PDB file of N, CA and C in Angstrom:
ATOM      1  N   MET A   1      85.189 -21.585  38.358  1.00  0.00           N
ATOM      2  CA  MET A   1      84.732 -20.952  38.683  1.00  0.00           C
ATOM      3  C   MET A   1      84.937 -19.864  39.592  1.00  0.00           C
ATOM      4  N   ASN A   2      85.772 -19.217  40.392  1.00  0.00           N
ATOM      5  CA  ASN A   2      86.086 -18.117  41.148  1.00  0.00           C
ATOM      6  C   ASN A   2      85.204 -18.437  42.241  1.00  0.00           C
ATOM      7  N   GLU A   3      85.549 -19.352  43.438  1.00  0.00           N
ATOM      8  CA  GLU A   3      84.721 -19.038  44.438  1.00  0.00           C
ATOM      9  C   GLU A   3      85.043 -17.377  45.740  1.00  0.00           C
ATOM     10  N   ASN A   4      86.295 -16.702  45.139  1.00  0.00           N
ATOM     11  CA  ASN A   4      86.515 -15.017  46.759  1.00  0.00           C
ATOM     12  C   ASN A   4      86.487 -14.359  45.184  1.00  0.00           C
ATOM     13  N   VAL A   5      84.971 -13.642  44.683  1.00  0.00           N
ATOM     14  CA  VAL A   5      84.761 -13.124  43.898  1.00  0.00           C
ATOM     15  C   VAL A   5      83.330 -12.325  45.272  1.00  0.00           C
ATOM     16  N   LYS A   6      84.291 -11.000  45.623  1.00  0.00           N
ATOM     17  CA  LYS A   6      83.674 -10.465  46.647  1.00  0.00           C
ATOM     18  C   LYS A   6      82.428  -9.593  46.308  1.00  0.00           C
ATOM     19  N   LEU A   7      81.764  -9.866  47.519  1.00  0.00           N
ATOM     20  CA  LEU A   7      80.357  -8.650  47.429  1.00  0.00           C
ATOM     21  C   LEU A   7      79.955  -7.475  48.323  1.00  0.00           C
ATOM     22  N   THR A   8      81.628  -7.149  48.521  1.00  0.00           N
ATOM     23  CA  THR A   8      81.259  -6.090  49.259  1.00  0.00           C
ATOM     24  C   THR A   8      82.294  -4.751  48.306  1.00  0.00           C
ATOM     25  N   ARG A   9      82.270  -3.394  49.315  1.00  0.00           N
ATOM     26  CA  ARG A   9      83.051  -2.655  48.234  1.00  0.00           C
ATOM     27  C   ARG A   9      84.060  -2.892  47.319  1.00  0.00           C
ATOM     28  N   ARG A  10      83.749  -2.107  46.594  1.00  0.00           N
ATOM     29  CA  ARG A  10      85.058  -1.437  45.817  1.00  0.00           C
ATOM     30  C   ARG A  10      86.419  -1.464  45.693  1.00  0.00           C
ATOM     31  N   LYS A  11      87.096  -2.006  45.291  1.00  0.00           N
ATOM     32  CA  LYS A  11      88.541  -0.903  45.350  1.00  0.00           C
ATOM     33  C   LYS A  11      88.950  -1.461  44.089  1.00  0.00           C
ATOM     34  N   GLU A  12      89.798  -0.259  43.674  1.00  0.00           N
ATOM     35  CA  GLU A  12      90.292   0.581  42.176  1.00  0.00           C
ATOM     36  C   GLU A  12      90.481  -0.929  41.625  1.00  0.00           C
ATOM     37  N   THR A  13      91.197  -1.871  41.947  1.00  0.00           N
ATOM     38  CA  THR A  13      91.693  -2.613  41.076  1.00  0.00           C
ATOM     39  C   THR A  13      90.716  -3.915  41.301  1.00  0.00           C
ATOM     40  N   ASP A  14      89.679  -3.382  41.836  1.00  0.00           N
ATOM     41  CA  ASP A  14      88.905  -4.829  41.824  1.00  0.00           C
ATOM     42  C   ASP A  14      87.743  -4.797  40.658  1.00  0.00           C
ATOM     43  N   GLU A  15      87.694  -6.139  39.955  1.00  0.00           N
ATOM     44  CA  GLU A  15      87.126  -6.237  38.498  1.00  0.00           C
ATOM     45  C   GLU A  15      85.698  -6.804  38.253  1.00  0.00           C
ATOM     46  N   ALA A  16      84.846  -5.280  37.832  1.00  0.00           N
ATOM     47  CA  ALA A  16      83.506  -5.467  37.183  1.00  0.00           C
ATOM     48  C   ALA A  16      83.032  -7.483  37.230  1.00  0.00           C
ATOM     49  N   ILE A  17      81.937  -7.337  38.415  1.00  0.00           N
ATOM     50  CA  ILE A  17      81.261  -9.220  38.669  1.00  0.00           C
ATOM     51  C   ILE A  17      79.786  -8.914  38.111  1.00  0.00           C
ATOM     52  N   ILE A  18      79.824 -10.337  36.891  1.00  0.00           N
ATOM     53  CA  ILE A  18      78.409  -9.692  36.678  1.00  0.00           C
ATOM     54  C   ILE A  18      77.457 -11.272  37.130  1.00  0.00           C
ATOM     55  N   TYR A  19      75.992 -11.077  37.152  1.00  0.00           N
ATOM     56  CA  TYR A  19      75.601 -12.390  37.652  1.00  0.00           C
ATOM     57  C   TYR A  19      74.612 -13.148  36.215  1.00  0.00           C
ATOM     58  N   CYS A  20      75.009 -14.080  36.459  1.00  0.00           N
ATOM     59  CA  CYS A  20      74.875 -15.437  35.096  1.00  0.00           C
ATOM     60  C   CYS A  20      73.732 -16.761  35.554  1.00  0.00           C
ATOM     61  N   GLY A  21      72.930 -16.203  36.425  1.00  0.00           N
ATOM     62  CA  GLY A  21      71.974 -16.871  36.988  1.00  0.00           C
ATOM     63  C   GLY A  21      70.766 -16.452  36.413  1.00  0.00           C
ATOM     64  N   PRO A  22      69.646 -17.164  36.308  1.00  0.00           N
ATOM     65  CA  PRO A  22      68.259 -16.250  36.170  1.00  0.00           C
ATOM     66  C   PRO A  22      67.841 -15.376  36.874  1.00  0.00           C
ATOM     67  N   ASN A  23      66.746 -14.940  35.809  1.00  0.00           N
ATOM     68  CA  ASN A  23      66.898 -13.498  36.679  1.00  0.00           C
ATOM     69  C   ASN A  23      65.276 -13.490  38.122  1.00  0.00           C
ATOM     70  N   ILE A  24      65.883 -13.045  39.101  1.00  0.00           N
ATOM     71  CA  ILE A  24      64.766 -13.233  39.419  1.00  0.00           C
ATOM     72  C   ILE A  24      63.972 -11.715  40.020  1.00  0.00           C
ATOM     73  N   GLY A  25      62.993 -12.097  39.712  1.00  0.00           N
ATOM     74  CA  GLY A  25      62.309 -10.539  40.048  1.00  0.00           C
ATOM     75  C   GLY A  25      62.892  -9.516  38.752  1.00  0.00           C
ATOM     76  N   ARG A  26      62.730  -7.890  39.774  1.00  0.00           N
ATOM     77  CA  ARG A  26      63.654  -7.124  39.131  1.00  0.00           C
ATOM     78  C   ARG A  26      64.950  -6.723  40.105  1.00  0.00           C
ATOM     79  N   VAL A  27      64.739  -7.580  40.442  1.00  0.00           N
ATOM     80  CA  VAL A  27      65.774  -7.947  41.848  1.00  0.00           C
ATOM     81  C   VAL A  27      67.401  -8.154  41.678  1.00  0.00           C
ATOM     82  N   LEU A  28      67.834  -9.291  40.590  1.00  0.00           N
ATOM     83  CA  LEU A  28      69.356  -9.774  40.103  1.00  0.00           C
ATOM     84  C   LEU A  28      68.469  -9.812  38.745  1.00  0.00           C
ATOM     85  N   ARG A  29      68.801  -9.529  38.089  1.00  0.00           N
ATOM     86  CA  ARG A  29      68.482 -10.145  36.382  1.00  0.00           C
ATOM     87  C   ARG A  29      69.853 -10.723  35.161  1.00  0.00           C
ATOM     88  N   GLN A  30      69.464 -11.647  34.683  1.00  0.00           N
ATOM     89  CA  GLN A  30      70.658 -12.377  34.149  1.00  0.00           C
ATOM     90  C   GLN A  30      71.533 -11.227  33.289  1.00  0.00           C
ATOM     91  N   TYR A  31      73.206 -11.508  33.671  1.00  0.00           N
ATOM     92  CA  TYR A  31      73.998 -10.667  33.647  1.00  0.00           C
ATOM     93  C   TYR A  31      74.442  -9.612  33.669  1.00  0.00           C
ATOM     94  N   ALA A  32      73.660  -8.730  34.978  1.00  0.00           N
ATOM     95  CA  ALA A  32      73.638  -7.894  34.813  1.00  0.00           C
ATOM     96  C   ALA A  32      75.162  -7.513  36.092  1.00  0.00           C
ATOM     97  N   VAL A  33      75.401  -6.799  35.194  1.00  0.00           N
ATOM     98  CA  VAL A  33      77.430  -6.118  35.933  1.00  0.00           C
ATOM     99  C   VAL A  33      77.184  -4.988  37.074  1.00  0.00           C
ATOM    100  N   PHE A  34      78.000  -5.130  38.157  1.00  0.00           N
ATOM    101  CA  PHE A  34      78.212  -4.008  38.920  1.00  0.00           C
ATOM    102  C   PHE A  34      79.500  -3.611  39.053  1.00  0.00           C
ATOM    103  N   ILE A  35      80.309  -2.874  39.255  1.00  0.00           N
ATOM    104  CA  ILE A  35      80.934  -2.187  39.564  1.00  0.00           C
ATOM    105  C   ILE A  35      80.605  -1.917  41.055  1.00  0.00           C
ATOM    106  N   GLY A  36      81.585  -3.063  41.978  1.00  0.00           N
ATOM    107  CA  GLY A  36      80.322  -2.529  43.323  1.00  0.00           C
ATOM    108  C   GLY A  36      80.288  -4.085  43.730  1.00  0.00           C
ATOM    109  N   PRO A  37      79.594  -4.031  45.082  1.00  0.00           N
ATOM    110  CA  PRO A  37      78.727  -5.137  45.326  1.00  0.00           C
ATOM    111  C   PRO A  37      77.408  -4.577  44.757  1.00  0.00           C
ATOM    112  N   PRO A  38      76.780  -5.264  44.723  1.00  0.00           N
ATOM    113  CA  PRO A  38      74.934  -5.555  44.387  1.00  0.00           C
ATOM    114  C   PRO A  38      74.294  -4.817  44.976  1.00  0.00           C
ATOM    115  N   PRO A  39      73.960  -4.503  45.154  1.00  0.00           N
ATOM    116  CA  PRO A  39      72.542  -3.220  45.412  1.00  0.00           C
ATOM    117  C   PRO A  39      72.018  -4.496  46.576  1.00  0.00           C
ATOM    118  N   GLU A  40      71.622  -3.733  47.403  1.00  0.00           N
ATOM    119  CA  GLU A  40      71.241  -4.162  49.149  1.00  0.00           C
ATOM    120  C   GLU A  40      70.096  -5.332  49.118  1.00  0.00           C
ATOM    121  N   ILE A  41      69.343  -4.556  47.872  1.00  0.00           N
ATOM    122  CA  ILE A  41      68.613  -5.972  47.953  1.00  0.00           C
ATOM    123  C   ILE A  41      68.679  -7.188  47.571  1.00  0.00           C
ATOM    124  N   ALA A  42      69.132  -6.880  46.436  1.00  0.00           N
ATOM    125  CA  ALA A  42      69.707  -9.011  45.903  1.00  0.00           C
ATOM    126  C   ALA A  42      70.878  -9.420  46.872  1.00  0.00           C
ATOM    127  N   LEU A  43      71.359  -8.441  47.679  1.00  0.00           N
ATOM    128  CA  LEU A  43      72.558  -9.022  48.894  1.00  0.00           C
ATOM    129  C   LEU A  43      71.696  -9.749  49.956  1.00  0.00           C
ATOM    130  N   ASP A  44      70.226  -8.936  49.739  1.00  0.00           N
ATOM    131  CA  ASP A  44      69.656  -9.809  50.970  1.00  0.00           C
ATOM    132  C   ASP A  44      68.927 -11.638  50.136  1.00  0.00           C
ATOM    133  N   ILE A  45      68.889 -11.107  48.721  1.00  0.00           N
ATOM    134  CA  ILE A  45      68.398 -12.880  48.071  1.00  0.00           C
ATOM    135  C   ILE A  45      69.469 -13.599  48.564  1.00  0.00           C
ATOM    136  N   ILE A  46      70.646 -12.971  48.519  1.00  0.00           N
ATOM    137  CA  ILE A  46      71.777 -13.753  47.920  1.00  0.00           C
ATOM    138  C   ILE A  46      71.575 -14.422  49.780  1.00  0.00           C
ATOM    139  N   LYS A  47      71.571 -13.154  50.570  1.00  0.00           N
ATOM    140  CA  LYS A  47      71.592 -14.209  52.340  1.00  0.00           C
ATOM    141  C   LYS A  47      70.815 -15.181  52.261  1.00  0.00           C
ATOM    142  N   LYS A  48      69.302 -15.160  52.134  1.00  0.00           N
ATOM    143  CA  LYS A  48      69.095 -15.963  51.752  1.00  0.00           C
ATOM    144  C   LYS A  48      69.171 -17.060  51.006  1.00  0.00           C
ATOM    145  N   HIS A  49      69.667 -17.178  50.089  1.00  0.00           N
ATOM    146  CA  HIS A  49      70.245 -18.072  48.937  1.00  0.00           C
ATOM    147  C   HIS A  49      71.362 -18.038  48.883  1.00  0.00           C
ATOM    148  N   PRO A  50      72.351 -18.895  49.716  1.00  0.00           N
ATOM    149  CA  PRO A  50      73.544 -18.635  49.168  1.00  0.00           C
ATOM    150  C   PRO A  50      73.818 -19.068  47.905  1.00  0.00           C
ATOM    151  N   SER A  51      73.594 -19.901  46.901  1.00  0.00           N
ATOM    152  CA  SER A  51      73.480 -20.558  46.295  1.00  0.00           C
ATOM    153  C   SER A  51      73.735 -19.802  44.864  1.00  0.00           C
ATOM    154  N   ILE A  52      73.237 -18.251  45.137  1.00  0.00           N
ATOM    155  CA  ILE A  52      72.902 -17.542  44.255  1.00  0.00           C
ATOM    156  C   ILE A  52      74.459 -17.073  44.029  1.00  0.00           C
ATOM    157  N   ARG A  53      75.193 -17.005  45.179  1.00  0.00           N
ATOM    158  CA  ARG A  53      77.118 -16.470  44.536  1.00  0.00           C
ATOM    159  C   ARG A  53      78.063 -17.177  44.529  1.00  0.00           C
ATOM    160  N   LYS A  54      77.134 -18.708  43.584  1.00  0.00           N
ATOM    161  CA  LYS A  54      77.772 -19.663  42.246  1.00  0.00           C
ATOM    162  C   LYS A  54      78.026 -18.613  41.500  1.00  0.00           C
ATOM    163  N   MET A  55      76.516 -17.792  41.489  1.00  0.00           N
ATOM    164  CA  MET A  55      76.569 -17.575  39.217  1.00  0.00           C
ATOM    165  C   MET A  55      76.972 -15.999  39.366  1.00  0.00           C
ATOM    166  N   ILE A  56      78.094 -15.284  40.346  1.00  0.00           N
ATOM    167  CA  ILE A  56      78.256 -14.312  40.437  1.00  0.00           C
ATOM    168  C   ILE A  56      79.807 -14.359  39.885  1.00  0.00           C
ATOM    169  N   VAL A  57      80.808 -14.041  39.138  1.00  0.00           N
ATOM    170  CA  VAL A  57      81.139 -14.261  38.289  1.00  0.00           C
ATOM    171  C   VAL A  57      82.545 -12.915  38.114  1.00  0.00           C
ATOM    172  N   PRO A  58      83.414 -12.620  38.618  1.00  0.00           N
ATOM    173  CA  PRO A  58      84.226 -11.723  37.351  1.00  0.00           C
ATOM    174  C   PRO A  58      84.017 -11.224  35.621  1.00  0.00           C
ATOM    175  N   VAL A  59      83.991 -10.575  35.754  1.00  0.00           N
ATOM    176  CA  VAL A  59      83.134 -10.321  33.596  1.00  0.00           C
ATOM    177  C   VAL A  59      84.667 -11.371  32.944  1.00  0.00           C
ATOM    178  N   SER A  60      85.035 -10.997  33.227  1.00  0.00           N
ATOM    179  CA  SER A  60      87.032 -11.984  32.630  1.00  0.00           C
ATOM    180  C   SER A  60      86.339 -13.099  32.150  1.00  0.00           C
ATOM    181  N   GLN A  61      85.618 -13.873  34.000  1.00  0.00           N
ATOM    182  CA  GLN A  61      85.201 -15.066  33.417  1.00  0.00           C
ATOM    183  C   GLN A  61      83.766 -15.322  32.480  1.00  0.00           C
ATOM    184  N   LEU A  62      83.376 -14.708  31.984  1.00  0.00           N
ATOM    185  CA  LEU A  62      82.080 -14.936  31.256  1.00  0.00           C
ATOM    186  C   LEU A  62      82.964 -15.679  30.337  1.00  0.00           C
ATOM    187  N   PRO A  63      83.066 -15.993  28.942  1.00  0.00           N
ATOM    188  CA  PRO A  63      83.083 -16.270  27.914  1.00  0.00           C
ATOM    189  C   PRO A  63      82.606 -17.838  28.886  1.00  0.00           C
ATOM    190  N   LYS A  64      84.259 -18.259  29.816  1.00  0.00           N
ATOM    191  CA  LYS A  64      83.849 -19.095  30.230  1.00  0.00           C
ATOM    192  C   LYS A  64      83.017 -20.255  31.142  1.00  0.00           C
ATOM    193  N   PHE A  65      82.910 -19.247  31.771  1.00  0.00           N
ATOM    194  CA  PHE A  65      81.833 -20.105  32.877  1.00  0.00           C
ATOM    195  C   PHE A  65      80.139 -20.062  31.943  1.00  0.00           C
ATOM    196  N   LYS A  66      79.965 -19.333  30.968  1.00  0.00           N
ATOM    197  CA  LYS A  66      78.969 -19.135  30.142  1.00  0.00           C
ATOM    198  C   LYS A  66      78.295 -20.403  29.435  1.00  0.00           C
ATOM    199  N   ALA A  67      80.243 -20.630  28.726  1.00  0.00           N
ATOM    200  CA  ALA A  67      80.134 -21.855  28.816  1.00  0.00           C
ATOM    201  C   ALA A  67      79.637 -23.305  29.161  1.00  0.00           C
ATOM    202  N   ALA A  68      80.584 -23.345  30.512  1.00  0.00           N
ATOM    203  CA  ALA A  68      80.125 -24.315  31.343  1.00  0.00           C
ATOM    204  C   ALA A  68      78.734 -23.956  31.205  1.00  0.00           C
ATOM    205  N   LEU A  69      78.046 -23.242  31.751  1.00  0.00           N
ATOM    206  CA  LEU A  69      76.683 -22.888  32.588  1.00  0.00           C
ATOM    207  C   LEU A  69      75.297 -23.320  31.107  1.00  0.00           C
ATOM    208  N   LEU A  70      76.344 -23.758  29.808  1.00  0.00           N
ATOM    209  CA  LEU A  70      75.367 -24.166  28.950  1.00  0.00           C
ATOM    210  C   LEU A  70      75.541 -25.867  28.683  1.00  0.00           C
ATOM    211  N   THR A  71      76.194 -26.224  28.950  1.00  0.00           N
ATOM    212  CA  THR A  71      76.785 -27.545  29.004  1.00  0.00           C
ATOM    213  C   THR A  71      76.343 -28.666  30.393  1.00  0.00           C
ATOM    214  N   PRO A  72      74.682 -29.724  30.479  1.00  0.00           N
ATOM    215  CA  PRO A  72      74.583 -30.242  31.073  1.00  0.00           C
ATOM    216  C   PRO A  72      75.443 -30.582  31.586  1.00  0.00           C
ATOM    217  N   GLY A  73      75.331 -31.427  32.820  1.00  0.00           N
ATOM    218  CA  GLY A  73      76.141 -31.651  33.845  1.00  0.00           C
ATOM    219  C   GLY A  73      77.181 -30.669  34.523  1.00  0.00           C
ATOM    220  N   THR A  74      77.523 -29.857  34.051  1.00  0.00           N
ATOM    221  CA  THR A  74      78.905 -29.634  35.061  1.00  0.00           C
ATOM    222  C   THR A  74      77.733 -28.345  36.218  1.00  0.00           C
ATOM    223  N   VAL A  75      79.548 -28.000  37.307  1.00  0.00           N
ATOM    224  CA  VAL A  75      78.687 -27.891  37.831  1.00  0.00           C
ATOM    225  C   VAL A  75      78.062 -26.236  37.679  1.00  0.00           C
ATOM    226  N   GLU A  76      78.277 -25.669  37.316  1.00  0.00           N
ATOM    227  CA  GLU A  76      78.361 -24.333  36.743  1.00  0.00           C
ATOM    228  C   GLU A  76      76.740 -25.029  36.638  1.00  0.00           C
ATOM    229  N   ASN A  77      76.086 -26.013  34.985  1.00  0.00           N
ATOM    230  CA  ASN A  77      74.896 -25.778  34.747  1.00  0.00           C
ATOM    231  C   ASN A  77      73.681 -26.217  36.209  1.00  0.00           C
ATOM    232  N   LEU A  78      73.866 -26.702  36.773  1.00  0.00           N
ATOM    233  CA  LEU A  78      73.528 -27.401  37.984  1.00  0.00           C
ATOM    234  C   LEU A  78      73.205 -27.145  39.030  1.00  0.00           C
ATOM    235  N   TRP A  79      74.364 -25.528  39.789  1.00  0.00           N
ATOM    236  CA  TRP A  79      74.189 -24.617  40.492  1.00  0.00           C
ATOM    237  C   TRP A  79      72.039 -23.475  39.706  1.00  0.00           C
ATOM    238  N   PHE A  80      73.413 -23.618  38.274  1.00  0.00           N
ATOM    239  CA  PHE A  80      71.917 -22.556  37.314  1.00  0.00           C
ATOM    240  C   PHE A  80      70.803 -23.626  37.885  1.00  0.00           C
ATOM    241  N   ASN A  81      70.224 -24.353  37.679  1.00  0.00           N
ATOM    242  CA  ASN A  81      68.932 -25.686  37.254  1.00  0.00           C
ATOM    243  C   ASN A  81      68.686 -25.499  39.023  1.00  0.00           C
ATOM    244  N   LYS A  82      69.273 -25.411  40.113  1.00  0.00           N
ATOM    245  CA  LYS A  82      69.161 -25.348  41.669  1.00  0.00           C
ATOM    246  C   LYS A  82      68.474 -24.152  41.537  1.00  0.00           C
ATOM    247  N   ILE A  83      69.213 -23.543  41.524  1.00  0.00           N
ATOM    248  CA  ILE A  83      68.839 -22.269  41.875  1.00  0.00           C
ATOM    249  C   ILE A  83      66.811 -21.869  41.412  1.00  0.00           C
ATOM    250  N   TYR A  84      66.641 -22.174  40.071  1.00  0.00           N
ATOM    251  CA  TYR A  84      65.896 -21.961  38.810  1.00  0.00           C
ATOM    252  C   TYR A  84      64.274 -22.428  39.966  1.00  0.00           C
ATOM    253  N   ASN A  85      65.287 -23.955  40.721  1.00  0.00           N
ATOM    254  CA  ASN A  85      64.308 -24.594  41.487  1.00  0.00           C
ATOM    255  C   ASN A  85      63.499 -24.609  42.445  1.00  0.00           C
ATOM    256  N   GLU A  86      64.516 -23.990  43.571  1.00  0.00           N
ATOM    257  CA  GLU A  86      64.637 -23.435  44.705  1.00  0.00           C
ATOM    258  C   GLU A  86      63.650 -21.727  44.646  1.00  0.00           C
ATOM    259  N   LEU A  87      63.743 -21.721  43.051  1.00  0.00           N
ATOM    260  CA  LEU A  87      63.157 -19.602  43.547  1.00  0.00           C
ATOM    261  C   LEU A  87      62.460 -19.892  42.863  1.00  0.00           C
ATOM    262  N   ALA A  88      62.231 -21.383  41.960  1.00  0.00           N
ATOM    263  CA  ALA A  88      61.205 -21.132  40.829  1.00  0.00           C
ATOM    264  C   ALA A  88      59.205 -19.262  40.950  1.00  0.00           C
ATOM    265  N   ALA A  89      58.972 -19.725  42.324  1.00  0.00           N
ATOM    266  CA  ALA A  89      57.715 -18.969  42.082  1.00  0.00           C
ATOM    267  C   ALA A  89      58.468 -17.240  42.235  1.00  0.00           C
ATOM    268  N   GLU A  90      59.712 -17.309  42.067  1.00  0.00           N
ATOM    269  CA  GLU A  90      60.417 -15.670  41.716  1.00  0.00           C
ATOM    270  C   GLU A  90      61.061 -15.535  40.831  1.00  0.00           C
ATOM    271  N   ILE A  91      61.445 -16.170  39.600  1.00  0.00           N
ATOM    272  CA  ILE A  91      61.843 -16.279  38.759  1.00  0.00           C
ATOM    273  C   ILE A  91      60.896 -15.993  37.497  1.00  0.00           C
ATOM    274  N   ASP A  92      62.104 -14.704  36.860  1.00  0.00           N
ATOM    275  CA  ASP A  92      61.078 -13.664  35.848  1.00  0.00           C
ATOM    276  C   ASP A  92      61.734 -14.316  34.869  1.00  0.00           C
ATOM    277  N   ASN A  93      61.036 -15.592  33.866  1.00  0.00           N
ATOM    278  CA  ASN A  93      61.519 -15.719  32.481  1.00  0.00           C
ATOM    279  C   ASN A  93      62.885 -16.175  32.270  1.00  0.00           C
ATOM    280  N   GLY A  94      64.165 -16.551  33.365  1.00  0.00           N
ATOM    281  CA  GLY A  94      64.688 -16.777  32.963  1.00  0.00           C
ATOM    282  C   GLY A  94      65.058 -18.456  33.195  1.00  0.00           C
ATOM    283  N   SER A  95      65.491 -18.477  31.532  1.00  0.00           N
ATOM    284  CA  SER A  95      65.853 -20.658  31.888  1.00  0.00           C
ATOM    285  C   SER A  95      67.352 -20.449  31.044  1.00  0.00           C
ATOM    286  N   ILE A  96      67.622 -21.631  31.424  1.00  0.00           N
ATOM    287  CA  ILE A  96      69.075 -21.653  30.405  1.00  0.00           C
ATOM    288  C   ILE A  96      68.625 -21.581  29.756  1.00  0.00           C
ATOM    289  N   GLU A  97      67.864 -21.533  28.540  1.00  0.00           N
ATOM    290  CA  GLU A  97      68.085 -21.693  27.058  1.00  0.00           C
ATOM    291  C   GLU A  97      68.381 -19.966  26.799  1.00  0.00           C
ATOM    292  N   GLU A  98      68.128 -18.995  27.755  1.00  0.00           N
ATOM    293  CA  GLU A  98      68.048 -17.605  27.284  1.00  0.00           C
ATOM    294  C   GLU A  98      69.075 -17.631  27.761  1.00  0.00           C
ATOM    295  N   ALA A  99      69.782 -18.100  28.110  1.00  0.00           N
ATOM    296  CA  ALA A  99      71.144 -17.782  28.728  1.00  0.00           C
ATOM    297  C   ALA A  99      72.380 -17.771  27.271  1.00  0.00           C
ATOM    298  N   LYS A 100      71.843 -18.455  26.195  1.00  0.00           N
ATOM    299  CA  LYS A 100      72.722 -19.217  25.041  1.00  0.00           C
ATOM    300  C   LYS A 100      72.594 -17.798  24.159  1.00  0.00           C
ATOM    301  N   ALA A 101      71.819 -16.418  24.540  1.00  0.00           N
ATOM    302  CA  ALA A 101      71.573 -15.361  23.673  1.00  0.00           C
ATOM    303  C   ALA A 101      72.484 -14.182  24.589  1.00  0.00           C
TER     304      ALA A 101
END
């Protein structure tokens, strides 16, 4: 996974990013694509729970990331489950099984 995904102002050469974690209320939806940074309300949650950043990747990396996400024991799978467990009260129907869709 690319640790250098920027969540700041977009440049013309920047690639769109996609959030691959579980749905967090109406703030972050699984597979939401952002051209530029996520909205401020999403950035607030990311600041409170930095592990969410691990679920944001460039769109071009989605197929590889999704495959790893669905593989038990991979770092991506472990991060997804960590976020899911930490934010259980805020998760909105976002399970690892839904990632298969």
